[in-house]
Amino acid sequence: MSRARSDTPRRAPPMSPPPEPTVRRELFGGAVSCDFPTRWIDVSDFRPVPDNQEVWTDADRDESVIFEILERVEVGPSDADGAAVWFFDDLATINDASVASGLSAVETTRHLTAHELPSINGVFACASLCVGTSQISKGNDGVDKRNAVRVAMANVRLPEFGTDLLVTLNRAITIAKGSSADAPRAGDGDDEVGAGDLILRVLQSLRIEDWGLFG
């Protein structure tokens, strides 16, 4: 028996959004460089930023990326499990939204390979990525005005220099009613490129131009 032909047109698979425009940026006085979305602007242009940090933001989405050079943490992080998970919970606790409280949750975690970090291949001991969500109040907003924030955190361990390199992408998903956050495009990013994918794109382009930065 022959199968009846259907005249219903086949639905085309959804198309992936085109890559957004990027530009090469210098960080830490040129000691580090990587490719950024052109929409990110340097926070140090309008407020002080600690010397061990680089902070860039897209205010329309309430999205920011923070590069931090930290003294290596010897107690707590388990390299076997991926130290990024420990740093994620530590940041959530600082933001009064610890994982234990239920206000933050880890969604995915994994190790990063040398292939994914080509510009620092063979130098770092291990690297990991953690993606999760946190319910965080903005600035002086009360605890009843918590915004849902996607947090993607990558950690690169550099024991030779006694250093942890931490890269954190914070992206608002929803803004609480009455919050001081003014982000007309909050949540748009997850519809385009996931926070974990975006931070990986940045990391894949990251190049250490001067290892003297780490002492």
N, C-alpha and C. Protein backbone atom coordinates (compact mmCIF):
# COMPACT_ATOMS: atom_id res chain seq x y z
N MET A 1 0.85 -1.19 0.00
CA MET A 1 0.00 0.00 0.00
C MET A 1 0.89 1.24 0.00
N SER A 2 0.61 2.13 -0.93
CA SER A 2 1.43 3.34 -1.01
C SER A 2 0.96 4.35 0.03
N ARG A 3 1.93 5.12 0.54
CA ARG A 3 1.61 6.11 1.55
C ARG A 3 1.07 7.37 0.85
N ALA A 4 -0.04 7.88 1.38
CA ALA A 4 -0.64 9.09 0.80
C ALA A 4 0.31 10.26 0.95
N ARG A 5 0.42 11.03 -0.11
CA ARG A 5 1.30 12.19 -0.08
C ARG A 5 0.65 13.33 0.69
N SER A 6 1.41 13.93 1.54
CA SER A 6 0.88 15.08 2.29
C SER A 6 1.23 16.36 1.55
N ASP A 7 0.24 17.24 1.41
CA ASP A 7 0.47 18.53 0.77
C ASP A 7 0.87 19.60 1.78
N THR A 8 0.96 19.19 3.07
CA THR A 8 1.33 20.16 4.10
C THR A 8 2.80 20.51 3.96
N PRO A 9 3.13 21.77 3.77
CA PRO A 9 4.56 22.15 3.59
C PRO A 9 5.36 21.87 4.86
N ARG A 10 6.56 21.43 4.66
CA ARG A 10 7.44 21.18 5.80
C ARG A 10 7.92 22.50 6.39
N ARG A 11 7.93 22.54 7.71
CA ARG A 11 8.37 23.75 8.40
C ARG A 11 9.89 23.79 8.43
N ALA A 12 10.43 24.91 8.01
CA ALA A 12 11.89 25.06 8.01
C ALA A 12 12.39 25.13 9.44
N PRO A 13 13.55 24.56 9.70
CA PRO A 13 14.11 24.64 11.06
C PRO A 13 14.44 26.08 11.40
N PRO A 14 14.32 26.44 12.69
CA PRO A 14 14.61 27.83 13.08
C PRO A 14 16.05 28.19 12.77
N MET A 15 16.25 29.41 12.32
CA MET A 15 17.60 29.87 11.96
C MET A 15 18.29 30.45 13.18
N SER A 16 19.58 30.16 13.30
CA SER A 16 20.35 30.72 14.39
C SER A 16 20.59 32.20 14.12
N PRO A 17 20.55 33.01 15.18
CA PRO A 17 20.79 34.44 14.96
C PRO A 17 22.21 34.67 14.48
N PRO A 18 22.43 35.66 13.65
CA PRO A 18 23.80 35.94 13.18
C PRO A 18 24.66 36.41 14.35
N PRO A 19 25.96 36.12 14.30
CA PRO A 19 26.85 36.58 15.37
C PRO A 19 26.81 38.10 15.50
N GLU A 20 26.79 38.58 16.74
CA GLU A 20 26.75 40.03 16.91
C GLU A 20 28.13 40.62 16.67
N PRO A 21 28.18 41.90 16.29
CA PRO A 21 29.47 42.55 16.01
C PRO A 21 30.36 42.56 17.25
N THR A 22 31.65 42.32 17.05
CA THR A 22 32.61 42.33 18.15
C THR A 22 33.78 43.24 17.79
N VAL A 23 34.54 43.59 18.82
CA VAL A 23 35.72 44.42 18.64
C VAL A 23 36.78 43.94 19.62
N ARG A 24 38.05 44.04 19.21
CA ARG A 24 39.15 43.64 20.08
C ARG A 24 39.38 44.71 21.14
N ARG A 25 39.39 44.31 22.40
CA ARG A 25 39.59 45.24 23.50
C ARG A 25 40.86 44.88 24.28
N GLU A 26 41.53 45.89 24.79
CA GLU A 26 42.68 45.68 25.67
C GLU A 26 42.22 45.83 27.12
N LEU A 27 42.67 44.90 27.97
CA LEU A 27 42.32 44.93 29.38
C LEU A 27 43.59 45.03 30.21
N PHE A 28 43.44 45.56 31.42
CA PHE A 28 44.57 45.67 32.36
C PHE A 28 45.78 46.33 31.69
N GLY A 29 45.51 47.46 31.04
CA GLY A 29 46.59 48.21 30.43
C GLY A 29 47.26 47.54 29.25
N GLY A 30 46.52 46.61 28.60
CA GLY A 30 47.05 45.92 27.43
C GLY A 30 47.68 44.58 27.74
N ALA A 31 47.71 44.17 29.02
CA ALA A 31 48.29 42.88 29.39
C ALA A 31 47.41 41.71 28.95
N VAL A 32 46.13 41.98 28.73
CA VAL A 32 45.16 40.98 28.27
C VAL A 32 44.36 41.60 27.15
N SER A 33 43.97 40.79 26.17
CA SER A 33 43.07 41.27 25.12
C SER A 33 42.06 40.18 24.78
N CYS A 34 40.91 40.59 24.30
CA CYS A 34 39.91 39.62 23.85
C CYS A 34 38.84 40.35 23.04
N ASP A 35 37.98 39.57 22.38
CA ASP A 35 36.93 40.12 21.53
C ASP A 35 35.65 40.30 22.34
N PHE A 36 35.09 41.51 22.30
CA PHE A 36 33.87 41.86 23.03
C PHE A 36 32.76 42.21 22.06
N PRO A 37 31.51 41.98 22.44
CA PRO A 37 30.41 42.61 21.70
C PRO A 37 30.58 44.13 21.72
N THR A 38 30.33 44.78 20.61
CA THR A 38 30.54 46.22 20.54
C THR A 38 29.60 46.98 21.47
N ARG A 39 28.51 46.35 21.90
CA ARG A 39 27.54 47.03 22.76
C ARG A 39 28.04 47.18 24.20
N TRP A 40 29.08 46.45 24.59
CA TRP A 40 29.61 46.58 25.95
C TRP A 40 30.47 47.83 26.06
N ILE A 41 30.29 48.58 27.15
CA ILE A 41 31.09 49.78 27.38
C ILE A 41 31.87 49.63 28.69
N ASP A 42 32.97 50.37 28.79
CA ASP A 42 33.88 50.28 29.92
C ASP A 42 33.30 51.04 31.12
N VAL A 43 33.03 50.32 32.22
CA VAL A 43 32.44 50.95 33.41
C VAL A 43 33.38 51.96 34.03
N SER A 44 34.70 51.78 33.86
CA SER A 44 35.66 52.71 34.46
C SER A 44 35.57 54.10 33.83
N ASP A 45 34.84 54.24 32.72
CA ASP A 45 34.66 55.56 32.11
C ASP A 45 33.74 56.44 32.95
N PHE A 46 32.91 55.81 33.84
CA PHE A 46 31.98 56.63 34.62
C PHE A 46 31.96 56.31 36.10
N ARG A 47 32.71 55.32 36.57
CA ARG A 47 32.86 55.13 38.02
C ARG A 47 34.14 54.34 38.29
N PRO A 48 34.71 54.47 39.51
CA PRO A 48 35.95 53.77 39.83
C PRO A 48 35.76 52.26 39.81
N VAL A 49 36.79 51.54 39.35
CA VAL A 49 36.82 50.09 39.32
C VAL A 49 38.12 49.64 39.98
N PRO A 50 38.10 48.63 40.86
CA PRO A 50 39.34 48.16 41.50
C PRO A 50 40.41 47.78 40.49
N ASP A 51 41.68 47.95 40.87
CA ASP A 51 42.79 47.70 39.96
C ASP A 51 42.83 46.25 39.49
N ASN A 52 42.29 45.33 40.29
CA ASN A 52 42.35 43.90 39.92
C ASN A 52 41.15 43.49 39.08
N GLN A 53 40.32 44.46 38.64
CA GLN A 53 39.13 44.14 37.87
C GLN A 53 39.06 44.95 36.57
N GLU A 54 38.39 44.37 35.60
CA GLU A 54 37.91 45.07 34.41
C GLU A 54 36.41 44.80 34.35
N VAL A 55 35.59 45.85 34.25
CA VAL A 55 34.14 45.69 34.25
C VAL A 55 33.57 46.38 33.02
N TRP A 56 32.78 45.64 32.26
CA TRP A 56 32.15 46.17 31.05
C TRP A 56 30.66 45.86 31.13
N THR A 57 29.83 46.71 30.51
CA THR A 57 28.39 46.56 30.71
C THR A 57 27.58 46.94 29.48
N ASP A 58 26.38 46.39 29.41
CA ASP A 58 25.33 46.82 28.49
C ASP A 58 24.13 47.16 29.36
N ALA A 59 23.95 48.44 29.65
CA ALA A 59 22.92 48.87 30.59
C ALA A 59 21.51 48.56 30.09
N ASP A 60 21.30 48.57 28.77
CA ASP A 60 19.96 48.30 28.24
C ASP A 60 19.48 46.90 28.60
N ARG A 61 20.43 45.97 28.80
CA ARG A 61 20.06 44.59 29.15
C ARG A 61 20.37 44.28 30.61
N ASP A 62 20.92 45.26 31.34
CA ASP A 62 21.42 45.01 32.69
C ASP A 62 22.35 43.79 32.66
N GLU A 63 23.32 43.85 31.75
CA GLU A 63 24.28 42.76 31.54
C GLU A 63 25.68 43.31 31.77
N SER A 64 26.50 42.55 32.49
CA SER A 64 27.87 43.00 32.73
C SER A 64 28.81 41.81 32.69
N VAL A 65 30.07 42.09 32.36
CA VAL A 65 31.11 41.07 32.41
C VAL A 65 32.24 41.63 33.26
N ILE A 66 32.75 40.80 34.17
CA ILE A 66 33.79 41.22 35.11
C ILE A 66 34.97 40.27 34.99
N PHE A 67 36.13 40.83 34.73
CA PHE A 67 37.39 40.07 34.75
C PHE A 67 38.08 40.40 36.07
N GLU A 68 38.44 39.37 36.82
CA GLU A 68 39.09 39.58 38.12
C GLU A 68 40.36 38.76 38.22
N ILE A 69 41.40 39.38 38.76
CA ILE A 69 42.63 38.66 39.08
C ILE A 69 42.68 38.53 40.59
N LEU A 70 42.59 37.30 41.07
CA LEU A 70 42.49 37.04 42.50
C LEU A 70 43.68 36.23 42.99
N GLU A 71 44.03 36.45 44.25
CA GLU A 71 45.02 35.58 44.87
C GLU A 71 44.43 34.17 44.94
N ARG A 72 45.22 33.19 44.56
CA ARG A 72 44.72 31.82 44.49
C ARG A 72 44.11 31.37 45.81
N VAL A 73 42.92 30.83 45.75
CA VAL A 73 42.23 30.31 46.92
C VAL A 73 42.70 28.89 47.17
N GLU A 74 43.29 28.65 48.32
CA GLU A 74 43.84 27.33 48.61
C GLU A 74 42.86 26.43 49.34
N VAL A 75 41.90 27.02 50.04
CA VAL A 75 40.95 26.24 50.82
C VAL A 75 39.56 26.43 50.23
N GLY A 76 38.88 25.34 49.93
CA GLY A 76 37.51 25.44 49.43
C GLY A 76 37.32 24.84 48.05
N PRO A 77 37.86 25.50 47.01
CA PRO A 77 37.61 24.99 45.67
C PRO A 77 38.18 23.59 45.46
N SER A 78 37.42 22.74 44.87
CA SER A 78 37.89 21.41 44.51
C SER A 78 38.11 21.37 43.01
N ASP A 79 39.37 21.25 42.59
CA ASP A 79 39.66 21.22 41.16
C ASP A 79 39.02 20.02 40.49
N ALA A 80 38.84 18.95 41.24
CA ALA A 80 38.23 17.75 40.66
C ALA A 80 36.78 18.02 40.27
N ASP A 81 36.08 18.86 41.05
CA ASP A 81 34.68 19.17 40.76
C ASP A 81 34.54 20.39 39.88
N GLY A 82 35.59 21.20 39.78
CA GLY A 82 35.52 22.45 39.04
C GLY A 82 35.37 23.60 40.00
N ALA A 83 36.43 24.40 40.16
CA ALA A 83 36.43 25.48 41.15
C ALA A 83 35.38 26.54 40.85
N ALA A 84 34.92 26.65 39.59
CA ALA A 84 33.91 27.66 39.25
C ALA A 84 32.65 27.51 40.09
N VAL A 85 32.31 26.28 40.47
CA VAL A 85 31.12 26.05 41.30
C VAL A 85 31.29 26.71 42.66
N TRP A 86 32.49 26.55 43.23
CA TRP A 86 32.78 27.17 44.53
C TRP A 86 32.69 28.69 44.43
N PHE A 87 33.26 29.27 43.39
CA PHE A 87 33.23 30.72 43.21
C PHE A 87 31.80 31.21 42.98
N PHE A 88 30.99 30.42 42.27
CA PHE A 88 29.59 30.78 42.04
C PHE A 88 28.85 30.89 43.37
N ASP A 89 29.01 29.89 44.23
CA ASP A 89 28.32 29.91 45.53
C ASP A 89 28.86 31.02 46.41
N ASP A 90 30.18 31.28 46.33
CA ASP A 90 30.78 32.35 47.12
C ASP A 90 30.19 33.70 46.72
N LEU A 91 30.07 33.94 45.40
CA LEU A 91 29.48 35.20 44.93
C LEU A 91 28.01 35.30 45.34
N ALA A 92 27.28 34.20 45.23
CA ALA A 92 25.86 34.21 45.61
C ALA A 92 25.70 34.53 47.10
N THR A 93 26.59 33.99 47.92
CA THR A 93 26.54 34.26 49.36
C THR A 93 26.82 35.73 49.64
N ILE A 94 27.81 36.31 48.95
CA ILE A 94 28.12 37.73 49.10
C ILE A 94 26.91 38.59 48.72
N ASN A 95 26.14 38.13 47.73
CA ASN A 95 24.95 38.85 47.26
C ASN A 95 23.70 38.51 48.07
N ASP A 96 23.90 37.85 49.22
CA ASP A 96 22.78 37.47 50.08
C ASP A 96 21.78 36.59 49.33
N ALA A 97 22.33 35.69 48.52
CA ALA A 97 21.47 34.80 47.73
C ALA A 97 22.15 33.44 47.58
N SER A 98 22.59 32.86 48.68
CA SER A 98 23.37 31.63 48.65
C SER A 98 22.59 30.48 48.04
N VAL A 99 23.33 29.50 47.54
CA VAL A 99 22.70 28.28 47.01
C VAL A 99 21.93 27.57 48.12
N ALA A 100 22.49 27.55 49.33
CA ALA A 100 21.84 26.87 50.45
C ALA A 100 20.48 27.49 50.78
N SER A 101 20.33 28.80 50.54
CA SER A 101 19.07 29.47 50.84
C SER A 101 18.00 29.21 49.80
N GLY A 102 18.40 28.67 48.64
CA GLY A 102 17.47 28.44 47.55
C GLY A 102 17.30 29.64 46.63
N LEU A 103 18.00 30.74 46.93
CA LEU A 103 17.90 31.94 46.09
C LEU A 103 18.84 31.90 44.90
N SER A 104 19.75 30.93 44.89
CA SER A 104 20.62 30.70 43.73
C SER A 104 20.63 29.20 43.44
N ALA A 105 20.86 28.87 42.18
CA ALA A 105 20.88 27.47 41.78
C ALA A 105 21.86 27.26 40.64
N VAL A 106 22.66 26.22 40.74
CA VAL A 106 23.58 25.84 39.68
C VAL A 106 22.80 25.06 38.63
N GLU A 107 22.94 25.46 37.36
CA GLU A 107 22.26 24.76 36.27
C GLU A 107 23.20 23.78 35.56
N THR A 108 24.36 24.25 35.18
CA THR A 108 25.34 23.38 34.51
C THR A 108 26.74 23.73 35.00
N THR A 109 27.62 22.75 34.95
CA THR A 109 29.02 22.99 35.27
C THR A 109 29.87 22.00 34.48
N ARG A 110 31.02 22.44 34.04
CA ARG A 110 31.91 21.55 33.32
C ARG A 110 33.32 22.10 33.28
N HIS A 111 34.27 21.21 33.01
CA HIS A 111 35.65 21.62 32.84
C HIS A 111 35.84 22.20 31.43
N LEU A 112 36.79 23.10 31.31
CA LEU A 112 37.15 23.68 30.02
C LEU A 112 38.48 23.09 29.58
N THR A 113 38.59 22.80 28.31
CA THR A 113 39.80 22.17 27.78
C THR A 113 40.76 23.22 27.22
N ALA A 114 41.99 22.79 27.00
CA ALA A 114 42.99 23.68 26.39
C ALA A 114 42.54 24.12 25.01
N HIS A 115 41.78 23.27 24.31
CA HIS A 115 41.28 23.63 22.98
C HIS A 115 40.31 24.81 23.05
N GLU A 116 39.58 24.92 24.17
CA GLU A 116 38.62 26.01 24.33
C GLU A 116 39.29 27.30 24.81
N LEU A 117 40.52 27.19 25.29
CA LEU A 117 41.27 28.35 25.75
C LEU A 117 42.62 28.37 25.02
N PRO A 118 42.60 28.53 23.71
CA PRO A 118 43.82 28.33 22.92
C PRO A 118 44.95 29.30 23.24
N SER A 119 44.62 30.50 23.68
CA SER A 119 45.67 31.49 23.88
C SER A 119 46.42 31.32 25.19
N ILE A 120 45.91 30.48 26.11
CA ILE A 120 46.63 30.19 27.35
C ILE A 120 46.88 28.69 27.47
N ASN A 121 46.94 28.04 26.34
CA ASN A 121 47.14 26.59 26.28
C ASN A 121 48.48 26.22 26.93
N GLY A 122 48.45 25.19 27.80
CA GLY A 122 49.66 24.66 28.39
C GLY A 122 50.17 25.40 29.60
N VAL A 123 49.50 26.50 30.00
CA VAL A 123 49.97 27.28 31.14
C VAL A 123 49.08 27.10 32.36
N PHE A 124 47.76 27.06 32.16
CA PHE A 124 46.86 26.94 33.30
C PHE A 124 46.78 25.49 33.77
N ALA A 125 46.51 25.33 35.08
CA ALA A 125 46.40 23.98 35.65
C ALA A 125 45.08 23.34 35.27
N CYS A 126 44.00 24.08 35.41
CA CYS A 126 42.67 23.60 35.04
C CYS A 126 41.74 24.80 34.96
N ALA A 127 40.62 24.60 34.29
CA ALA A 127 39.64 25.66 34.13
C ALA A 127 38.25 25.05 34.13
N SER A 128 37.27 25.82 34.57
CA SER A 128 35.91 25.30 34.65
C SER A 128 34.91 26.42 34.44
N LEU A 129 33.68 26.02 34.10
CA LEU A 129 32.60 26.96 33.82
C LEU A 129 31.36 26.52 34.59
N CYS A 130 30.73 27.47 35.26
CA CYS A 130 29.48 27.21 35.98
C CYS A 130 28.44 28.22 35.52
N VAL A 131 27.24 27.74 35.21
CA VAL A 131 26.13 28.61 34.82
C VAL A 131 24.96 28.34 35.75
N GLY A 132 24.38 29.40 36.27
CA GLY A 132 23.24 29.25 37.17
C GLY A 132 22.40 30.51 37.22
N THR A 133 21.50 30.58 38.17
CA THR A 133 20.65 31.75 38.35
C THR A 133 20.71 32.21 39.80
N SER A 134 20.54 33.51 40.00
CA SER A 134 20.50 34.08 41.35
C SER A 134 19.38 35.11 41.41
N GLN A 135 18.75 35.19 42.56
CA GLN A 135 17.73 36.22 42.82
C GLN A 135 18.42 37.32 43.63
N ILE A 136 18.74 38.43 42.96
CA ILE A 136 19.61 39.45 43.55
C ILE A 136 18.92 40.81 43.56
N SER A 137 19.05 41.52 44.68
CA SER A 137 18.56 42.89 44.76
C SER A 137 19.58 43.83 44.12
N LYS A 138 19.11 44.89 43.50
CA LYS A 138 19.97 45.87 42.84
C LYS A 138 20.32 46.99 43.80
N GLY A 139 21.59 47.24 43.99
CA GLY A 139 22.03 48.37 44.79
C GLY A 139 21.39 48.37 46.17
N ASN A 140 20.66 49.44 46.46
CA ASN A 140 20.02 49.59 47.77
C ASN A 140 18.57 49.12 47.78
N ASP A 141 18.14 48.43 46.72
CA ASP A 141 16.78 47.90 46.69
C ASP A 141 16.59 46.90 47.84
N GLY A 142 15.40 46.81 48.34
CA GLY A 142 15.11 45.87 49.42
C GLY A 142 15.06 44.43 48.93
N VAL A 143 14.99 43.50 49.88
CA VAL A 143 14.99 42.07 49.54
C VAL A 143 13.70 41.67 48.82
N ASP A 144 12.68 42.54 48.86
CA ASP A 144 11.44 42.25 48.15
C ASP A 144 11.50 42.65 46.69
N LYS A 145 12.66 43.18 46.28
CA LYS A 145 12.82 43.59 44.88
C LYS A 145 14.02 42.86 44.28
N ARG A 146 13.96 41.55 44.26
CA ARG A 146 15.05 40.74 43.72
C ARG A 146 14.84 40.48 42.23
N ASN A 147 15.87 40.76 41.44
CA ASN A 147 15.83 40.47 40.02
C ASN A 147 16.38 39.07 39.75
N ALA A 148 15.82 38.40 38.77
CA ALA A 148 16.35 37.09 38.37
C ALA A 148 17.52 37.33 37.42
N VAL A 149 18.69 36.80 37.79
CA VAL A 149 19.91 37.06 37.03
C VAL A 149 20.56 35.74 36.63
N ARG A 150 20.87 35.63 35.35
CA ARG A 150 21.67 34.50 34.86
C ARG A 150 23.14 34.82 35.11
N VAL A 151 23.85 33.90 35.74
CA VAL A 151 25.26 34.10 36.06
C VAL A 151 26.08 32.99 35.40
N ALA A 152 27.02 33.39 34.55
CA ALA A 152 27.95 32.43 33.94
C ALA A 152 29.34 32.80 34.45
N MET A 153 30.00 31.85 35.11
CA MET A 153 31.27 32.13 35.76
C MET A 153 32.32 31.14 35.30
N ALA A 154 33.43 31.66 34.79
CA ALA A 154 34.54 30.82 34.36
C ALA A 154 35.74 31.11 35.25
N ASN A 155 36.42 30.04 35.65
CA ASN A 155 37.60 30.16 36.50
C ASN A 155 38.78 29.47 35.82
N VAL A 156 39.90 30.18 35.76
CA VAL A 156 41.14 29.61 35.22
C VAL A 156 42.16 29.64 36.35
N ARG A 157 42.68 28.47 36.73
CA ARG A 157 43.61 28.37 37.85
C ARG A 157 45.04 28.44 37.34
N LEU A 158 45.81 29.36 37.92
CA LEU A 158 47.19 29.60 37.50
C LEU A 158 48.11 29.43 38.71
N PRO A 159 48.32 28.18 39.16
CA PRO A 159 49.11 27.96 40.38
C PRO A 159 50.54 28.44 40.27
N GLU A 160 51.09 28.47 39.05
CA GLU A 160 52.47 28.94 38.87
C GLU A 160 52.62 30.38 39.33
N PHE A 161 51.52 31.13 39.24
CA PHE A 161 51.55 32.54 39.62
C PHE A 161 50.77 32.80 40.92
N GLY A 162 50.25 31.73 41.56
CA GLY A 162 49.46 31.91 42.77
C GLY A 162 48.20 32.71 42.52
N THR A 163 47.59 32.49 41.34
CA THR A 163 46.50 33.36 40.87
C THR A 163 45.31 32.56 40.37
N ASP A 164 44.13 33.11 40.59
CA ASP A 164 42.90 32.65 39.96
C ASP A 164 42.41 33.76 39.05
N LEU A 165 42.17 33.44 37.78
CA LEU A 165 41.54 34.38 36.85
C LEU A 165 40.05 34.03 36.80
N LEU A 166 39.22 35.00 37.12
CA LEU A 166 37.78 34.77 37.18
C LEU A 166 37.09 35.70 36.18
N VAL A 167 36.22 35.12 35.35
CA VAL A 167 35.44 35.92 34.39
C VAL A 167 33.97 35.61 34.65
N THR A 168 33.20 36.65 34.96
CA THR A 168 31.80 36.48 35.35
C THR A 168 30.89 37.32 34.46
N LEU A 169 29.90 36.66 33.86
CA LEU A 169 28.89 37.36 33.08
C LEU A 169 27.58 37.35 33.86
N ASN A 170 27.06 38.53 34.17
CA ASN A 170 25.77 38.67 34.85
C ASN A 170 24.75 39.21 33.84
N ARG A 171 23.64 38.53 33.71
CA ARG A 171 22.62 38.95 32.73
C ARG A 171 21.24 38.90 33.36
N ALA A 172 20.56 40.04 33.45
CA ALA A 172 19.21 40.07 34.01
C ALA A 172 18.25 39.28 33.12
N ILE A 173 17.44 38.45 33.75
CA ILE A 173 16.41 37.69 33.03
C ILE A 173 15.07 38.41 33.18
N THR A 174 14.74 38.74 34.43
CA THR A 174 13.53 39.52 34.70
C THR A 174 13.85 40.57 35.76
N ILE A 175 13.19 41.72 35.66
CA ILE A 175 13.39 42.81 36.60
C ILE A 175 12.17 42.89 37.51
N ALA A 176 12.42 42.91 38.82
CA ALA A 176 11.33 42.97 39.79
C ALA A 176 10.62 44.32 39.72
N LYS A 177 9.33 44.31 39.98
CA LYS A 177 8.55 45.54 40.01
C LYS A 177 9.09 46.45 41.10
N GLY A 178 9.37 47.70 40.73
CA GLY A 178 9.89 48.65 41.70
C GLY A 178 11.39 48.65 41.83
N SER A 179 12.08 47.76 41.09
CA SER A 179 13.54 47.72 41.16
C SER A 179 14.13 48.98 40.55
N SER A 180 15.29 49.38 41.06
CA SER A 180 15.97 50.56 40.52
C SER A 180 16.66 50.26 39.19
N ALA A 181 16.72 48.99 38.82
CA ALA A 181 17.31 48.62 37.53
C ALA A 181 16.47 49.18 36.39
N ASP A 182 17.13 49.76 35.42
CA ASP A 182 16.45 50.31 34.25
C ASP A 182 16.99 49.59 33.02
N ALA A 183 16.35 48.50 32.66
CA ALA A 183 16.86 47.65 31.58
C ALA A 183 15.73 47.29 30.63
N PRO A 184 15.47 48.14 29.63
CA PRO A 184 14.34 47.88 28.72
C PRO A 184 14.46 46.60 27.93
N ARG A 185 15.70 46.06 27.79
CA ARG A 185 15.87 44.84 27.01
C ARG A 185 16.28 43.66 27.89
N ALA A 186 15.96 43.70 29.16
CA ALA A 186 16.30 42.60 30.06
C ALA A 186 15.71 41.29 29.55
N GLY A 187 16.50 40.28 29.51
CA GLY A 187 16.05 38.97 29.06
C GLY A 187 16.27 38.71 27.59
N ASP A 188 16.58 39.75 26.80
CA ASP A 188 16.76 39.58 25.36
C ASP A 188 17.94 38.65 25.06
N GLY A 189 18.99 38.75 25.86
CA GLY A 189 20.20 38.00 25.56
C GLY A 189 20.00 36.52 25.49
N ASP A 190 19.19 35.97 26.40
CA ASP A 190 18.98 34.52 26.43
C ASP A 190 18.24 34.03 25.19
N ASP A 191 17.51 34.94 24.53
CA ASP A 191 16.83 34.56 23.30
C ASP A 191 17.79 34.54 22.11
N GLU A 192 18.96 35.15 22.28
CA GLU A 192 19.92 35.24 21.19
C GLU A 192 21.07 34.25 21.41
N VAL A 193 21.91 34.54 22.38
CA VAL A 193 23.03 33.66 22.71
C VAL A 193 23.04 33.46 24.22
N GLY A 194 23.03 32.20 24.66
CA GLY A 194 23.03 31.91 26.08
C GLY A 194 24.25 32.50 26.77
N ALA A 195 24.11 32.80 28.06
CA ALA A 195 25.21 33.42 28.80
C ALA A 195 26.45 32.54 28.79
N GLY A 196 26.26 31.22 28.93
CA GLY A 196 27.40 30.31 28.91
C GLY A 196 28.10 30.31 27.56
N ASP A 197 27.32 30.36 26.48
CA ASP A 197 27.92 30.38 25.13
C ASP A 197 28.66 31.69 24.89
N LEU A 198 28.10 32.81 25.38
CA LEU A 198 28.73 34.10 25.17
C LEU A 198 30.05 34.20 25.92
N ILE A 199 30.07 33.74 27.16
CA ILE A 199 31.32 33.82 27.92
C ILE A 199 32.38 32.90 27.31
N LEU A 200 31.96 31.79 26.72
CA LEU A 200 32.92 30.90 26.06
C LEU A 200 33.51 31.58 24.82
N ARG A 201 32.69 32.31 24.08
CA ARG A 201 33.19 33.03 22.90
C ARG A 201 34.25 34.04 23.31
N VAL A 202 34.01 34.74 24.42
CA VAL A 202 34.98 35.71 24.91
C VAL A 202 36.26 34.99 25.33
N LEU A 203 36.12 33.89 26.06
CA LEU A 203 37.29 33.15 26.54
C LEU A 203 38.11 32.57 25.40
N GLN A 204 37.44 32.11 24.35
CA GLN A 204 38.15 31.53 23.22
C GLN A 204 39.04 32.56 22.53
N SER A 205 38.68 33.83 22.65
CA SER A 205 39.48 34.88 22.02
C SER A 205 40.48 35.51 22.99
N LEU A 206 40.39 35.14 24.28
CA LEU A 206 41.22 35.78 25.30
C LEU A 206 42.69 35.44 25.12
N ARG A 207 43.51 36.47 25.13
CA ARG A 207 44.94 36.28 24.94
C ARG A 207 45.71 37.03 26.04
N ILE A 208 46.62 36.34 26.69
CA ILE A 208 47.49 36.98 27.66
C ILE A 208 48.66 37.59 26.90
N GLU A 209 48.72 38.91 26.86
CA GLU A 209 49.77 39.60 26.13
C GLU A 209 51.04 39.77 26.98
N ASP A 210 50.85 39.85 28.28
CA ASP A 210 51.99 40.06 29.20
C ASP A 210 51.75 39.26 30.47
N TRP A 211 52.47 38.14 30.60
CA TRP A 211 52.29 37.28 31.78
C TRP A 211 52.80 37.95 33.04
N GLY A 212 53.56 39.04 32.91
CA GLY A 212 54.01 39.79 34.07
C GLY A 212 52.85 40.36 34.88
N LEU A 213 51.66 40.43 34.27
CA LEU A 213 50.47 40.89 34.99
C LEU A 213 50.23 40.08 36.24
N PHE A 214 50.58 38.79 36.19
CA PHE A 214 50.29 37.90 37.32
C PHE A 214 51.45 37.79 38.30
N GLY A 215 52.49 38.60 38.11
CA GLY A 215 53.59 38.60 39.06
C GLY A 215 54.64 37.55 38.77
